[in-house]
Amino acid sequence: MANEIVIKMSSANEPPKITLNGKKIKGIIGLEYKYDTSDAKSNGQHNFAIQYLDKDTSTIRAAVVHKMLEG
């Protein structure tokens, strides 16, 4: 499934475990997640941004997903 995001927090003192489209993301530097809806019955919008260190290339990478609020 495209844009499948799994965020698991096992402790407030540890970084979250994140899987994006089936791939485990390691070296997390920053994570922002926000969900808004106009009411309990409508579809909302997801805004997700993660920064992580790609250890293979020593490059900071980002993954961003934005869905516009419908209705």
N, C-alpha and C. Protein backbone atom coordinates (compact mmCIF):
# COMPACT_ATOMS: atom_id res chain seq x y z
N MET A 1 0.85 -1.19 0.00
CA MET A 1 0.00 0.00 0.00
C MET A 1 0.89 1.24 0.00
N ALA A 2 0.68 2.16 -0.92
CA ALA A 2 1.48 3.37 -1.01
C ALA A 2 1.20 4.28 0.17
N ASN A 3 2.24 4.91 0.69
CA ASN A 3 2.16 5.84 1.81
C ASN A 3 1.66 5.19 3.10
N GLU A 4 1.92 3.90 3.28
CA GLU A 4 1.58 3.26 4.54
C GLU A 4 2.63 3.63 5.58
N ILE A 5 2.17 4.17 6.71
CA ILE A 5 3.07 4.64 7.76
C ILE A 5 2.67 3.96 9.06
N VAL A 6 3.66 3.35 9.72
CA VAL A 6 3.43 2.76 11.03
C VAL A 6 4.40 3.44 11.99
N ILE A 7 3.85 4.03 13.05
CA ILE A 7 4.65 4.70 14.07
C ILE A 7 4.38 3.99 15.39
N LYS A 8 5.43 3.48 16.02
CA LYS A 8 5.28 2.77 17.29
C LYS A 8 6.18 3.42 18.32
N MET A 9 5.57 3.84 19.43
CA MET A 9 6.33 4.39 20.55
C MET A 9 6.27 3.39 21.69
N SER A 10 7.41 2.86 22.07
CA SER A 10 7.44 1.90 23.17
C SER A 10 7.82 2.57 24.48
N SER A 11 8.41 3.75 24.40
CA SER A 11 8.84 4.47 25.58
C SER A 11 8.97 5.95 25.24
N ALA A 12 8.65 6.81 26.20
CA ALA A 12 8.81 8.24 25.98
C ALA A 12 10.28 8.65 25.90
N ASN A 13 11.18 7.77 26.33
CA ASN A 13 12.61 8.07 26.34
C ASN A 13 13.37 7.47 25.16
N GLU A 14 12.68 6.78 24.27
CA GLU A 14 13.31 6.15 23.11
C GLU A 14 12.72 6.75 21.83
N PRO A 15 13.49 6.78 20.75
CA PRO A 15 12.92 7.26 19.49
C PRO A 15 11.84 6.29 19.01
N PRO A 16 10.85 6.80 18.27
CA PRO A 16 9.80 5.92 17.76
C PRO A 16 10.36 4.96 16.71
N LYS A 17 9.68 3.84 16.56
CA LYS A 17 10.01 2.90 15.48
C LYS A 17 9.05 3.23 14.34
N ILE A 18 9.61 3.52 13.16
CA ILE A 18 8.81 3.95 12.03
C ILE A 18 9.04 3.02 10.85
N THR A 19 7.93 2.59 10.25
CA THR A 19 7.97 1.81 9.01
C THR A 19 7.21 2.61 7.96
N LEU A 20 7.84 2.84 6.81
CA LEU A 20 7.25 3.60 5.72
C LEU A 20 7.23 2.72 4.49
N ASN A 21 6.02 2.39 4.02
CA ASN A 21 5.86 1.52 2.86
C ASN A 21 6.62 0.21 3.02
N GLY A 22 6.57 -0.36 4.23
CA GLY A 22 7.21 -1.65 4.49
C GLY A 22 8.68 -1.59 4.81
N LYS A 23 9.30 -0.41 4.74
CA LYS A 23 10.73 -0.26 5.01
C LYS A 23 10.94 0.39 6.38
N LYS A 24 11.73 -0.25 7.24
CA LYS A 24 12.04 0.33 8.54
C LYS A 24 12.97 1.52 8.36
N ILE A 25 12.60 2.64 8.97
CA ILE A 25 13.40 3.87 8.90
C ILE A 25 14.27 3.92 10.14
N LYS A 26 15.56 4.03 9.95
CA LYS A 26 16.51 4.11 11.07
C LYS A 26 17.20 5.46 11.04
N GLY A 27 17.84 5.84 12.14
CA GLY A 27 18.57 7.10 12.20
C GLY A 27 17.65 8.30 12.23
N ILE A 28 16.52 8.19 12.93
CA ILE A 28 15.52 9.27 12.95
C ILE A 28 16.09 10.52 13.62
N ILE A 29 15.95 11.63 12.92
CA ILE A 29 16.39 12.93 13.43
C ILE A 29 15.18 13.75 13.89
N GLY A 30 14.11 13.72 13.11
CA GLY A 30 12.92 14.49 13.46
C GLY A 30 11.67 13.84 12.90
N LEU A 31 10.55 14.02 13.60
CA LEU A 31 9.26 13.46 13.18
C LEU A 31 8.17 14.46 13.52
N GLU A 32 7.32 14.77 12.55
CA GLU A 32 6.15 15.60 12.77
C GLU A 32 4.94 14.87 12.19
N TYR A 33 3.86 14.78 12.96
CA TYR A 33 2.64 14.15 12.48
C TYR A 33 1.46 14.93 13.00
N LYS A 34 0.53 15.24 12.11
CA LYS A 34 -0.65 15.99 12.49
C LYS A 34 -1.83 15.46 11.69
N TYR A 35 -2.97 15.31 12.35
CA TYR A 35 -4.20 14.89 11.69
C TYR A 35 -5.30 15.87 12.08
N ASP A 36 -6.00 16.42 11.09
CA ASP A 36 -7.09 17.36 11.33
C ASP A 36 -8.32 16.91 10.56
N THR A 37 -9.48 17.15 11.16
CA THR A 37 -10.75 16.88 10.49
C THR A 37 -11.74 17.97 10.88
N SER A 38 -12.69 18.24 10.01
CA SER A 38 -13.67 19.28 10.31
C SER A 38 -14.76 18.78 11.26
N ASP A 39 -15.01 17.46 11.27
CA ASP A 39 -15.95 16.86 12.22
C ASP A 39 -15.67 15.36 12.31
N ALA A 40 -16.36 14.67 13.19
CA ALA A 40 -16.08 13.26 13.45
C ALA A 40 -16.49 12.33 12.30
N LYS A 41 -17.31 12.81 11.36
CA LYS A 41 -17.80 11.96 10.27
C LYS A 41 -17.03 12.13 8.97
N SER A 42 -16.31 13.22 8.81
CA SER A 42 -15.64 13.49 7.53
C SER A 42 -14.23 12.94 7.50
N ASN A 43 -13.72 12.77 6.30
CA ASN A 43 -12.32 12.40 6.14
C ASN A 43 -11.46 13.60 6.51
N GLY A 44 -10.35 13.33 7.11
CA GLY A 44 -9.47 14.40 7.53
C GLY A 44 -8.24 14.48 6.65
N GLN A 45 -7.26 15.19 7.15
CA GLN A 45 -6.01 15.32 6.42
C GLN A 45 -4.86 14.86 7.31
N HIS A 46 -3.91 14.20 6.68
CA HIS A 46 -2.71 13.75 7.36
C HIS A 46 -1.55 14.60 6.87
N ASN A 47 -0.74 15.06 7.79
CA ASN A 47 0.49 15.75 7.45
C ASN A 47 1.61 15.06 8.22
N PHE A 48 2.56 14.53 7.49
CA PHE A 48 3.60 13.70 8.07
C PHE A 48 4.94 14.12 7.47
N ALA A 49 5.93 14.32 8.32
CA ALA A 49 7.28 14.63 7.83
C ALA A 49 8.29 13.95 8.74
N ILE A 50 9.27 13.31 8.13
CA ILE A 50 10.32 12.66 8.91
C ILE A 50 11.67 13.01 8.29
N GLN A 51 12.63 13.27 9.13
CA GLN A 51 14.01 13.43 8.70
C GLN A 51 14.81 12.30 9.32
N TYR A 52 15.69 11.70 8.52
CA TYR A 52 16.50 10.59 9.03
C TYR A 52 17.85 10.57 8.34
N LEU A 53 18.80 9.96 9.00
CA LEU A 53 20.14 9.84 8.46
C LEU A 53 20.25 8.53 7.69
N ASP A 54 20.54 8.62 6.41
CA ASP A 54 20.82 7.44 5.59
C ASP A 54 22.28 7.07 5.85
N LYS A 55 22.49 6.06 6.67
CA LYS A 55 23.85 5.71 7.10
C LYS A 55 24.71 5.18 5.96
N ASP A 56 24.08 4.61 4.92
CA ASP A 56 24.85 4.09 3.78
C ASP A 56 25.54 5.20 3.01
N THR A 57 24.87 6.37 2.93
CA THR A 57 25.43 7.48 2.15
C THR A 57 25.78 8.69 3.00
N SER A 58 25.58 8.60 4.32
CA SER A 58 25.81 9.72 5.24
C SER A 58 25.06 10.98 4.79
N THR A 59 23.81 10.77 4.36
CA THR A 59 22.98 11.86 3.86
C THR A 59 21.73 11.97 4.72
N ILE A 60 21.34 13.19 5.04
CA ILE A 60 20.07 13.40 5.73
C ILE A 60 18.97 13.41 4.67
N ARG A 61 17.99 12.56 4.85
CA ARG A 61 16.88 12.44 3.90
C ARG A 61 15.58 12.83 4.58
N ALA A 62 14.57 13.09 3.77
CA ALA A 62 13.26 13.45 4.30
C ALA A 62 12.18 12.70 3.54
N ALA A 63 11.12 12.34 4.23
CA ALA A 63 9.91 11.78 3.63
C ALA A 63 8.75 12.63 4.12
N VAL A 64 7.92 13.09 3.18
CA VAL A 64 6.82 14.00 3.51
C VAL A 64 5.56 13.51 2.84
N VAL A 65 4.45 13.51 3.59
CA VAL A 65 3.14 13.16 3.04
C VAL A 65 2.16 14.23 3.49
N HIS A 66 1.45 14.83 2.54
CA HIS A 66 0.41 15.81 2.85
C HIS A 66 -0.85 15.41 2.11
N LYS A 67 -1.96 15.38 2.82
CA LYS A 67 -3.26 15.13 2.21
C LYS A 67 -4.12 16.33 2.50
N MET A 68 -4.72 16.87 1.49
CA MET A 68 -5.55 18.06 1.64
C MET A 68 -6.86 17.70 2.31
N LEU A 69 -7.38 18.58 3.13
CA LEU A 69 -8.67 18.40 3.80
C LEU A 69 -9.77 18.44 2.76
N GLU A 70 -10.61 17.40 2.75
CA GLU A 70 -11.70 17.33 1.78
C GLU A 70 -13.01 17.71 2.44
N GLY A 71 -13.88 18.32 1.66
CA GLY A 71 -15.23 18.65 2.14
C GLY A 71 -15.21 19.86 2.92
